[in-house]
Amino acid sequence: MKRSYLFAVILVLVLPILAVADDRDIAALYAKHDIEGAIIIASLNGEVEFVHNKERAKRRFLPASTFKILNTLIALEAGVVRDEREIINWDGSDRGWAPWNKDQTLDTAFSLSCVWCYQKFAKRIGNEQYVKYLTGLGYGNKKTGGDVTTFWLEGELSISAREQIQFLRKLYNEQIPFKKRNILLLKKIMLVDKTPTYTLSAKTGWANRIENQHGWYVGYVEAKGKVWLFANNIRVNIKSDLAFRKTLVIESLKIKGII
C-alpha cells in the first residue's frame, strides 16, 4: 500500500500539468461574438493547454486550405515545385477571383489559398503518394477518396483541432519525414505577422463546398521566448464570420497573456 501511494505521489510530481478544462474566458469571447466553434492553444512542450469546446475540438472536419501546410511539403518533396519563387503558370481560365487569375508562385499560392495551383500539384503527386504521407504521419482520418484534386475540399479527408495541434507540434519540431530545406521553406511562407512582440505563422481554411460550412485558423505564435500552437475551428453561417477565424485566435492569445 505504501509503495503504491509513493508511486502515485511521484507521478503527480513528475508528470506535466495539463490544463484541459473548458476555458471560461475564451468561452465568453466566443459567446460575445455569437460564434460556434472550438479552439485549442497549446504550449510547444504540451504541458499547458487552453481549450474551448472540448467536444468540438475532438470532432473531425474537412481541413480545407489548412491542408496546404502538408500539401506544400509533399509538393516540394515530390519535386512538382522547386521553391517559393518558381512560376506556376495560369492557364487563362477565369477562376472567379482576380488574385487567382494570374501566374502564381508557391509563396502567393499559399497566402492566397490558390485552389487551382494545388490541384495542379495534386495531379502530379498522385493518390498513391498522398496515401503514403497521410498514413505515415497519421494525419486525420488518412482518407483521400475518389478525386485526388478535391479530397481536402469536399472529399473524405477530415481532421480535428486536436489532430491539427499534434501535426503542428511535429512540424515545428521538425519531427516529420521531410527534408529540412523543405520544412524551413514552408515555415518561411507560413509567416503572417511579425511585430515587435510576437511572430505569427498560420494558415486559413474555409470549407465552402459543403452544406454546413466551417472555417479554420491554425498555426503557431512565437512570443516572450515561448512557442504556442493553436487550432481554431468555427461554424460559418455568413461570409462575415470568416473574419473570426483569425480574430478569435488573436483575442484568445491576448486574454491568456501570450501576446
C-alpha atoms as a PDB file:
ATOM      1  CA  MET A   1       0.000   0.000   0.000  1.00  0.00           C
ATOM      2  CA  LYS A   2       2.792   2.406   0.951  1.00  0.00           C
ATOM      3  CA  ARG A   3       4.621   1.579  -2.272  1.00  0.00           C
ATOM      4  CA  SER A   4       1.503   2.324  -4.370  1.00  0.00           C
ATOM      5  CA  TYR A   5       0.973   5.612  -2.566  1.00  0.00           C
ATOM      6  CA  LEU A   6       4.588   6.629  -3.109  1.00  0.00           C
ATOM      7  CA  PHE A   7       4.300   5.807  -6.831  1.00  0.00           C
ATOM      8  CA  ALA A   8       1.178   7.957  -7.129  1.00  0.00           C
ATOM      9  CA  VAL A   9       2.927  10.891  -5.437  1.00  0.00           C
ATOM     10  CA  ILE A  10       5.877  10.575  -7.829  1.00  0.00           C
ATOM     11  CA  LEU A  11       3.532  10.599 -10.823  1.00  0.00           C
ATOM     12  CA  VAL A  12       1.877  13.788  -9.610  1.00  0.00           C
ATOM     13  CA  LEU A  13       5.255  15.478  -9.151  1.00  0.00           C
ATOM     14  CA  VAL A  14       6.850  14.283 -12.374  1.00  0.00           C
ATOM     15  CA  LEU A  15       4.087  14.305 -14.988  1.00  0.00           C
ATOM     16  CA  PRO A  16       3.382  17.651 -16.685  1.00  0.00           C
ATOM     17  CA  ILE A  17       0.347  19.568 -15.531  1.00  0.00           C
ATOM     18  CA  LEU A  18      -2.115  19.781 -18.422  1.00  0.00           C
ATOM     19  CA  ALA A  19      -4.945  22.306 -18.171  1.00  0.00           C
ATOM     20  CA  VAL A  20      -7.739  20.786 -20.230  1.00  0.00           C
ATOM     21  CA  ALA A  21     -10.863  22.201 -18.580  1.00  0.00           C
ATOM     22  CA  ASP A  22     -13.070  24.320 -20.827  1.00  0.00           C
ATOM     23  CA  ASP A  23     -11.663  27.839 -20.617  1.00  0.00           C
ATOM     24  CA  ARG A  24     -14.301  30.276 -19.322  1.00  0.00           C
ATOM     25  CA  ASP A  25     -12.578  33.431 -20.561  1.00  0.00           C
ATOM     26  CA  ILE A  26     -12.321  32.126 -24.106  1.00  0.00           C
ATOM     27  CA  ALA A  27     -15.853  30.680 -23.978  1.00  0.00           C
ATOM     28  CA  ALA A  28     -17.136  34.144 -23.065  1.00  0.00           C
ATOM     29  CA  LEU A  29     -15.254  35.586 -26.032  1.00  0.00           C
ATOM     30  CA  TYR A  30     -16.943  33.206 -28.489  1.00  0.00           C
ATOM     31  CA  ALA A  31     -20.325  33.893 -26.877  1.00  0.00           C
ATOM     32  CA  LYS A  32     -19.779  37.660 -27.163  1.00  0.00           C
ATOM     33  CA  HIS A  33     -19.253  37.346 -30.898  1.00  0.00           C
ATOM     34  CA  ASP A  34     -22.018  34.711 -31.228  1.00  0.00           C
ATOM     35  CA  ILE A  35     -19.648  32.230 -32.871  1.00  0.00           C
ATOM     36  CA  GLU A  36     -19.962  28.470 -32.543  1.00  0.00           C
ATOM     37  CA  GLY A  37     -16.511  26.959 -32.551  1.00  0.00           C
ATOM     38  CA  ALA A  38     -13.637  25.311 -30.771  1.00  0.00           C
ATOM     39  CA  ILE A  39     -10.072  26.348 -30.116  1.00  0.00           C
ATOM     40  CA  ILE A  40      -7.006  24.742 -28.639  1.00  0.00           C
ATOM     41  CA  ILE A  41      -3.989  26.809 -27.632  1.00  0.00           C
ATOM     42  CA  ALA A  42      -1.121  24.583 -26.520  1.00  0.00           C
ATOM     43  CA  SER A  43       2.436  25.152 -25.380  1.00  0.00           C
ATOM     44  CA  LEU A  44       5.035  23.563 -27.617  1.00  0.00           C
ATOM     45  CA  ASN A  45       6.050  21.104 -24.904  1.00  0.00           C
ATOM     46  CA  GLY A  46       2.427  20.107 -24.351  1.00  0.00           C
ATOM     47  CA  GLU A  47       2.435  20.962 -20.655  1.00  0.00           C
ATOM     48  CA  VAL A  48      -0.185  23.722 -20.826  1.00  0.00           C
ATOM     49  CA  GLU A  49      -3.378  23.929 -22.861  1.00  0.00           C
ATOM     50  CA  PHE A  50      -6.288  26.321 -23.067  1.00  0.00           C
ATOM     51  CA  VAL A  51      -9.347  24.710 -24.639  1.00  0.00           C
ATOM     52  CA  HIS A  52     -12.765  25.967 -25.583  1.00  0.00           C
ATOM     53  CA  ASN A  53     -15.453  23.427 -26.551  1.00  0.00           C
ATOM     54  CA  LYS A  54     -13.590  20.170 -25.915  1.00  0.00           C
ATOM     55  CA  GLU A  55     -16.157  18.043 -27.739  1.00  0.00           C
ATOM     56  CA  ARG A  56     -15.990  20.025 -30.974  1.00  0.00           C
ATOM     57  CA  ALA A  57     -12.182  20.097 -30.707  1.00  0.00           C
ATOM     58  CA  LYS A  58     -12.244  16.293 -30.959  1.00  0.00           C
ATOM     59  CA  ARG A  59     -14.575  16.213 -33.983  1.00  0.00           C
ATOM     60  CA  ARG A  60     -13.091  15.828 -37.436  1.00  0.00           C
ATOM     61  CA  PHE A  61     -13.821  18.285 -40.218  1.00  0.00           C
ATOM     62  CA  LEU A  62     -12.556  18.790 -43.755  1.00  0.00           C
ATOM     63  CA  PRO A  63      -9.171  20.528 -43.466  1.00  0.00           C
ATOM     64  CA  ALA A  64      -9.923  22.758 -46.487  1.00  0.00           C
ATOM     65  CA  SER A  65      -6.958  25.031 -47.171  1.00  0.00           C
ATOM     66  CA  THR A  66      -5.188  24.205 -43.908  1.00  0.00           C
ATOM     67  CA  PHE A  67      -4.174  21.068 -45.815  1.00  0.00           C
ATOM     68  CA  LYS A  68      -1.921  23.354 -47.850  1.00  0.00           C
ATOM     69  CA  ILE A  69       0.543  23.169 -44.948  1.00  0.00           C
ATOM     70  CA  LEU A  70       1.134  19.471 -45.529  1.00  0.00           C
ATOM     71  CA  ASN A  71       0.374  19.688 -49.249  1.00  0.00           C
ATOM     72  CA  THR A  72       3.185  22.219 -49.696  1.00  0.00           C
ATOM     73  CA  LEU A  73       5.673  19.870 -48.077  1.00  0.00           C
ATOM     74  CA  ILE A  74       4.527  16.954 -50.222  1.00  0.00           C
ATOM     75  CA  ALA A  75       4.733  19.040 -53.402  1.00  0.00           C
ATOM     76  CA  LEU A  76       8.273  20.165 -52.550  1.00  0.00           C
ATOM     77  CA  GLU A  77       9.365  16.672 -51.580  1.00  0.00           C
ATOM     78  CA  ALA A  78       7.893  15.198 -54.769  1.00  0.00           C
ATOM     79  CA  GLY A  79       9.645  17.831 -56.869  1.00  0.00           C
ATOM     80  CA  VAL A  80       6.482  19.163 -58.516  1.00  0.00           C
ATOM     81  CA  VAL A  81       7.536  22.661 -57.442  1.00  0.00           C
ATOM     82  CA  ARG A  82      11.111  23.734 -56.786  1.00  0.00           C
ATOM     83  CA  ASP A  83      10.863  26.646 -54.361  1.00  0.00           C
ATOM     84  CA  GLU A  84       8.773  29.653 -53.363  1.00  0.00           C
ATOM     85  CA  ARG A  85       9.849  31.666 -56.425  1.00  0.00           C
ATOM     86  CA  GLU A  86       9.140  29.198 -59.246  1.00  0.00           C
ATOM     87  CA  ILE A  87       6.408  30.470 -61.568  1.00  0.00           C
ATOM     88  CA  ILE A  88       3.182  28.443 -61.609  1.00  0.00           C
ATOM     89  CA  ASN A  89       1.630  29.263 -64.972  1.00  0.00           C
ATOM     90  CA  TRP A  90      -2.013  30.305 -65.084  1.00  0.00           C
ATOM     91  CA  ASP A  91      -3.967  28.602 -67.889  1.00  0.00           C
ATOM     92  CA  GLY A  92      -6.069  31.687 -68.649  1.00  0.00           C
ATOM     93  CA  SER A  93      -9.310  30.292 -67.195  1.00  0.00           C
ATOM     94  CA  ASP A  94     -11.326  32.666 -65.051  1.00  0.00           C
ATOM     95  CA  ARG A  95     -11.388  31.242 -61.514  1.00  0.00           C
ATOM     96  CA  GLY A  96     -13.895  33.833 -60.303  1.00  0.00           C
ATOM     97  CA  TRP A  97     -11.416  35.800 -58.179  1.00  0.00           C
ATOM     98  CA  ALA A  98      -8.961  38.286 -59.690  1.00  0.00           C
ATOM     99  CA  PRO A  99      -5.965  37.412 -57.458  1.00  0.00           C
ATOM    100  CA  TRP A 100      -6.119  33.812 -58.777  1.00  0.00           C
ATOM    101  CA  ASN A 101      -6.386  34.860 -62.422  1.00  0.00           C
ATOM    102  CA  LYS A 102      -2.658  35.287 -62.987  1.00  0.00           C
ATOM    103  CA  ASP A 103       0.619  33.399 -62.729  1.00  0.00           C
ATOM    104  CA  GLN A 104       1.485  32.447 -59.168  1.00  0.00           C
ATOM    105  CA  THR A 105       4.450  31.360 -57.082  1.00  0.00           C
ATOM    106  CA  LEU A 106       4.346  28.917 -54.183  1.00  0.00           C
ATOM    107  CA  ASP A 107       4.508  31.917 -51.874  1.00  0.00           C
ATOM    108  CA  THR A 108       1.429  33.595 -53.385  1.00  0.00           C
ATOM    109  CA  ALA A 109      -0.399  30.301 -53.934  1.00  0.00           C
ATOM    110  CA  PHE A 110      -0.116  29.558 -50.204  1.00  0.00           C
ATOM    111  CA  SER A 111      -1.063  33.003 -48.941  1.00  0.00           C
ATOM    112  CA  LEU A 112      -3.935  33.402 -51.430  1.00  0.00           C
ATOM    113  CA  SER A 113      -5.143  29.809 -50.952  1.00  0.00           C
ATOM    114  CA  CYS A 114      -4.960  29.334 -54.714  1.00  0.00           C
ATOM    115  CA  VAL A 115      -7.043  26.204 -55.278  1.00  0.00           C
ATOM    116  CA  TRP A 116      -6.081  25.649 -58.921  1.00  0.00           C
ATOM    117  CA  CYS A 117      -2.365  25.764 -58.067  1.00  0.00           C
ATOM    118  CA  TYR A 118      -2.614  22.984 -55.519  1.00  0.00           C
ATOM    119  CA  GLN A 119      -4.951  20.984 -57.745  1.00  0.00           C
ATOM    120  CA  LYS A 120      -2.260  21.202 -60.413  1.00  0.00           C
ATOM    121  CA  PHE A 121       0.252  19.839 -57.882  1.00  0.00           C
ATOM    122  CA  ALA A 122      -2.168  17.100 -56.831  1.00  0.00           C
ATOM    123  CA  LYS A 123      -2.488  15.693 -60.342  1.00  0.00           C
ATOM    124  CA  ARG A 124       1.277  15.262 -60.487  1.00  0.00           C
ATOM    125  CA  ILE A 125       1.650  13.971 -56.926  1.00  0.00           C
ATOM    126  CA  GLY A 126      -0.998  11.277 -57.333  1.00  0.00           C
ATOM    127  CA  ASN A 127      -3.148   9.381 -54.885  1.00  0.00           C
ATOM    128  CA  GLU A 128      -0.523   6.773 -54.005  1.00  0.00           C
ATOM    129  CA  GLN A 129       1.913   9.344 -52.641  1.00  0.00           C
ATOM    130  CA  TYR A 130      -0.822  11.152 -50.719  1.00  0.00           C
ATOM    131  CA  VAL A 131      -1.936   7.932 -49.029  1.00  0.00           C
ATOM    132  CA  LYS A 132       1.661   7.168 -48.107  1.00  0.00           C
ATOM    133  CA  TYR A 133       2.184  10.521 -46.411  1.00  0.00           C
ATOM    134  CA  LEU A 134      -1.229  10.699 -44.735  1.00  0.00           C
ATOM    135  CA  THR A 135      -0.793   7.207 -43.311  1.00  0.00           C
ATOM    136  CA  GLY A 136       2.807   7.731 -42.251  1.00  0.00           C
ATOM    137  CA  LEU A 137       2.016  10.983 -40.485  1.00  0.00           C
ATOM    138  CA  GLY A 138      -1.297   9.833 -39.013  1.00  0.00           C
ATOM    139  CA  TYR A 139      -2.936  12.938 -40.496  1.00  0.00           C
ATOM    140  CA  GLY A 140      -6.624  12.964 -39.523  1.00  0.00           C
ATOM    141  CA  ASN A 141      -8.570  10.009 -40.885  1.00  0.00           C
ATOM    142  CA  LYS A 142      -5.915   9.478 -43.626  1.00  0.00           C
ATOM    143  CA  LYS A 143      -8.553   9.178 -46.405  1.00  0.00           C
ATOM    144  CA  THR A 144      -8.320  10.636 -49.903  1.00  0.00           C
ATOM    145  CA  GLY A 145     -11.449   9.263 -51.575  1.00  0.00           C
ATOM    146  CA  GLY A 146     -12.147   9.232 -55.285  1.00  0.00           C
ATOM    147  CA  ASP A 147     -10.823  12.585 -56.527  1.00  0.00           C
ATOM    148  CA  VAL A 148      -7.186  13.443 -55.902  1.00  0.00           C
ATOM    149  CA  THR A 149      -7.840  17.136 -56.667  1.00  0.00           C
ATOM    150  CA  THR A 150     -10.664  17.756 -54.175  1.00  0.00           C
ATOM    151  CA  PHE A 151     -10.300  15.298 -51.291  1.00  0.00           C
ATOM    152  CA  TRP A 152      -9.320  18.060 -48.810  1.00  0.00           C
ATOM    153  CA  LEU A 153     -12.007  20.481 -50.052  1.00  0.00           C
ATOM    154  CA  GLU A 154     -15.150  18.373 -50.333  1.00  0.00           C
ATOM    155  CA  GLY A 155     -13.930  14.782 -50.198  1.00  0.00           C
ATOM    156  CA  GLU A 156     -13.240  12.276 -47.470  1.00  0.00           C
ATOM    157  CA  LEU A 157     -10.222  13.732 -45.664  1.00  0.00           C
ATOM    158  CA  SER A 158     -11.023  15.078 -42.200  1.00  0.00           C
ATOM    159  CA  ILE A 159      -9.052  16.199 -39.173  1.00  0.00           C
ATOM    160  CA  SER A 160      -9.844  17.531 -35.699  1.00  0.00           C
ATOM    161  CA  ALA A 161      -8.458  20.599 -33.964  1.00  0.00           C
ATOM    162  CA  ARG A 162      -6.703  18.210 -31.574  1.00  0.00           C
ATOM    163  CA  GLU A 163      -5.048  16.429 -34.507  1.00  0.00           C
ATOM    164  CA  GLN A 164      -4.099  19.763 -36.090  1.00  0.00           C
ATOM    165  CA  ILE A 165      -2.184  20.594 -32.896  1.00  0.00           C
ATOM    166  CA  GLN A 166      -0.426  17.223 -32.953  1.00  0.00           C
ATOM    167  CA  PHE A 167       0.660  17.748 -36.557  1.00  0.00           C
ATOM    168  CA  LEU A 168       1.798  21.338 -35.936  1.00  0.00           C
ATOM    169  CA  ARG A 169       3.925  20.194 -32.996  1.00  0.00           C
ATOM    170  CA  LYS A 170       5.697  17.641 -35.180  1.00  0.00           C
ATOM    171  CA  LEU A 171       6.127  20.248 -37.898  1.00  0.00           C
ATOM    172  CA  TYR A 172       7.591  22.905 -35.639  1.00  0.00           C
ATOM    173  CA  ASN A 173       9.949  20.395 -34.023  1.00  0.00           C
ATOM    174  CA  GLU A 174      10.878  19.060 -37.479  1.00  0.00           C
ATOM    175  CA  GLN A 175       9.876  15.541 -36.449  1.00  0.00           C
ATOM    176  CA  ILE A 176       8.366  14.690 -39.824  1.00  0.00           C
ATOM    177  CA  PRO A 177       9.907  12.774 -42.755  1.00  0.00           C
ATOM    178  CA  PHE A 178      10.685  15.752 -44.999  1.00  0.00           C
ATOM    179  CA  LYS A 179      13.934  17.422 -45.978  1.00  0.00           C
ATOM    180  CA  LYS A 180      14.949  20.188 -43.575  1.00  0.00           C
ATOM    181  CA  ARG A 181      15.222  22.581 -46.519  1.00  0.00           C
ATOM    182  CA  ASN A 182      11.551  21.977 -47.390  1.00  0.00           C
ATOM    183  CA  ILE A 183      10.385  22.390 -43.790  1.00  0.00           C
ATOM    184  CA  LEU A 184      12.251  25.688 -43.468  1.00  0.00           C
ATOM    185  CA  LEU A 185      10.804  26.893 -46.773  1.00  0.00           C
ATOM    186  CA  LEU A 186       7.289  26.070 -45.573  1.00  0.00           C
ATOM    187  CA  LYS A 187       7.873  27.895 -42.289  1.00  0.00           C
ATOM    188  CA  LYS A 188       9.036  30.906 -44.285  1.00  0.00           C
ATOM    189  CA  ILE A 189       5.850  31.121 -46.357  1.00  0.00           C
ATOM    190  CA  MET A 190       3.632  30.442 -43.332  1.00  0.00           C
ATOM    191  CA  LEU A 191       4.748  33.722 -41.740  1.00  0.00           C
ATOM    192  CA  VAL A 192       1.750  36.054 -41.455  1.00  0.00           C
ATOM    193  CA  ASP A 193       2.605  38.751 -38.907  1.00  0.00           C
ATOM    194  CA  LYS A 194       5.908  39.907 -37.448  1.00  0.00           C
ATOM    195  CA  THR A 195       5.528  42.511 -34.717  1.00  0.00           C
ATOM    196  CA  PRO A 196       7.920  43.841 -32.061  1.00  0.00           C
ATOM    197  CA  THR A 197       6.353  41.455 -29.530  1.00  0.00           C
ATOM    198  CA  TYR A 198       5.382  38.323 -31.445  1.00  0.00           C
ATOM    199  CA  THR A 199       5.679  36.387 -34.709  1.00  0.00           C
ATOM    200  CA  LEU A 200       2.601  34.637 -36.096  1.00  0.00           C
ATOM    201  CA  SER A 201       2.709  31.795 -38.639  1.00  0.00           C
ATOM    202  CA  ALA A 202      -0.586  30.342 -39.806  1.00  0.00           C
ATOM    203  CA  LYS A 203      -2.980  29.142 -42.490  1.00  0.00           C
ATOM    204  CA  THR A 204      -6.659  29.815 -43.007  1.00  0.00           C
ATOM    205  CA  GLY A 205      -9.194  27.307 -44.246  1.00  0.00           C
ATOM    206  CA  TRP A 206     -12.793  27.570 -45.460  1.00  0.00           C
ATOM    207  CA  ALA A 207     -14.862  24.506 -46.322  1.00  0.00           C
ATOM    208  CA  ASN A 208     -17.372  26.319 -48.544  1.00  0.00           C
ATOM    209  CA  ARG A 209     -18.307  23.483 -50.896  1.00  0.00           C
ATOM    210  CA  ILE A 210     -20.429  21.698 -48.309  1.00  0.00           C
ATOM    211  CA  GLU A 211     -23.793  22.419 -46.691  1.00  0.00           C
ATOM    212  CA  ASN A 212     -22.598  23.095 -43.135  1.00  0.00           C
ATOM    213  CA  GLN A 213     -19.639  25.339 -43.800  1.00  0.00           C
ATOM    214  CA  HIS A 214     -16.766  25.760 -41.377  1.00  0.00           C
ATOM    215  CA  GLY A 215     -13.564  27.741 -41.160  1.00  0.00           C
ATOM    216  CA  TRP A 216     -10.089  27.160 -39.738  1.00  0.00           C
ATOM    217  CA  TYR A 217      -7.137  29.154 -38.493  1.00  0.00           C
ATOM    218  CA  VAL A 218      -4.202  27.007 -37.460  1.00  0.00           C
ATOM    219  CA  GLY A 219      -0.543  27.699 -36.784  1.00  0.00           C
ATOM    220  CA  TYR A 220       1.804  28.875 -34.080  1.00  0.00           C
ATOM    221  CA  VAL A 221       2.940  32.055 -32.368  1.00  0.00           C
ATOM    222  CA  GLU A 222       6.402  32.814 -31.020  1.00  0.00           C
ATOM    223  CA  ALA A 223       6.290  35.327 -28.166  1.00  0.00           C
ATOM    224  CA  LYS A 224       8.163  36.086 -24.940  1.00  0.00           C
ATOM    225  CA  GLY A 225      10.665  33.325 -25.661  1.00  0.00           C
ATOM    226  CA  LYS A 226       7.968  30.650 -25.971  1.00  0.00           C
ATOM    227  CA  VAL A 227       6.091  28.880 -28.763  1.00  0.00           C
ATOM    228  CA  TRP A 228       2.355  28.276 -28.654  1.00  0.00           C
ATOM    229  CA  LEU A 229       0.389  26.188 -31.150  1.00  0.00           C
ATOM    230  CA  PHE A 230      -3.233  26.959 -31.981  1.00  0.00           C
ATOM    231  CA  ALA A 231      -6.121  25.475 -33.957  1.00  0.00           C
ATOM    232  CA  ASN A 232      -9.420  27.332 -34.284  1.00  0.00           C
ATOM    233  CA  ASN A 233     -12.439  25.776 -35.998  1.00  0.00           C
ATOM    234  CA  ILE A 234     -15.693  27.719 -36.347  1.00  0.00           C
ATOM    235  CA  ARG A 235     -19.083  27.245 -37.949  1.00  0.00           C
ATOM    236  CA  VAL A 236     -19.535  29.680 -40.845  1.00  0.00           C
ATOM    237  CA  ASN A 237     -23.126  30.858 -41.161  1.00  0.00           C
ATOM    238  CA  ILE A 238     -22.456  34.008 -43.178  1.00  0.00           C
ATOM    239  CA  LYS A 239     -19.377  35.188 -45.028  1.00  0.00           C
ATOM    240  CA  SER A 240     -18.573  37.849 -42.436  1.00  0.00           C
ATOM    241  CA  ASP A 241     -17.993  35.036 -39.896  1.00  0.00           C
ATOM    242  CA  LEU A 242     -14.742  34.263 -41.720  1.00  0.00           C
ATOM    243  CA  ALA A 243     -13.028  37.204 -40.025  1.00  0.00           C
ATOM    244  CA  PHE A 244     -13.403  35.418 -36.680  1.00  0.00           C
ATOM    245  CA  ARG A 245     -11.106  32.599 -37.768  1.00  0.00           C
ATOM    246  CA  LYS A 246      -8.110  34.814 -37.024  1.00  0.00           C
ATOM    247  CA  THR A 247      -9.711  37.431 -34.763  1.00  0.00           C
ATOM    248  CA  LEU A 248     -10.720  34.873 -32.133  1.00  0.00           C
ATOM    249  CA  VAL A 249      -7.212  33.407 -32.109  1.00  0.00           C
ATOM    250  CA  ILE A 250      -5.597  36.813 -31.578  1.00  0.00           C
ATOM    251  CA  GLU A 251      -8.094  37.819 -28.894  1.00  0.00           C
ATOM    252  CA  SER A 252      -7.704  34.465 -27.123  1.00  0.00           C
ATOM    253  CA  LEU A 253      -3.911  34.786 -27.163  1.00  0.00           C
ATOM    254  CA  LYS A 254      -4.225  38.235 -25.601  1.00  0.00           C
ATOM    255  CA  ILE A 255      -6.691  37.070 -22.960  1.00  0.00           C
ATOM    256  CA  LYS A 256      -4.260  34.362 -21.861  1.00  0.00           C
ATOM    257  CA  GLY A 257      -1.354  36.816 -21.762  1.00  0.00           C
ATOM    258  CA  ILE A 258       0.557  35.014 -24.513  1.00  0.00           C
ATOM    259  CA  ILE A 259       0.893  38.098 -26.716  1.00  0.00           C
END
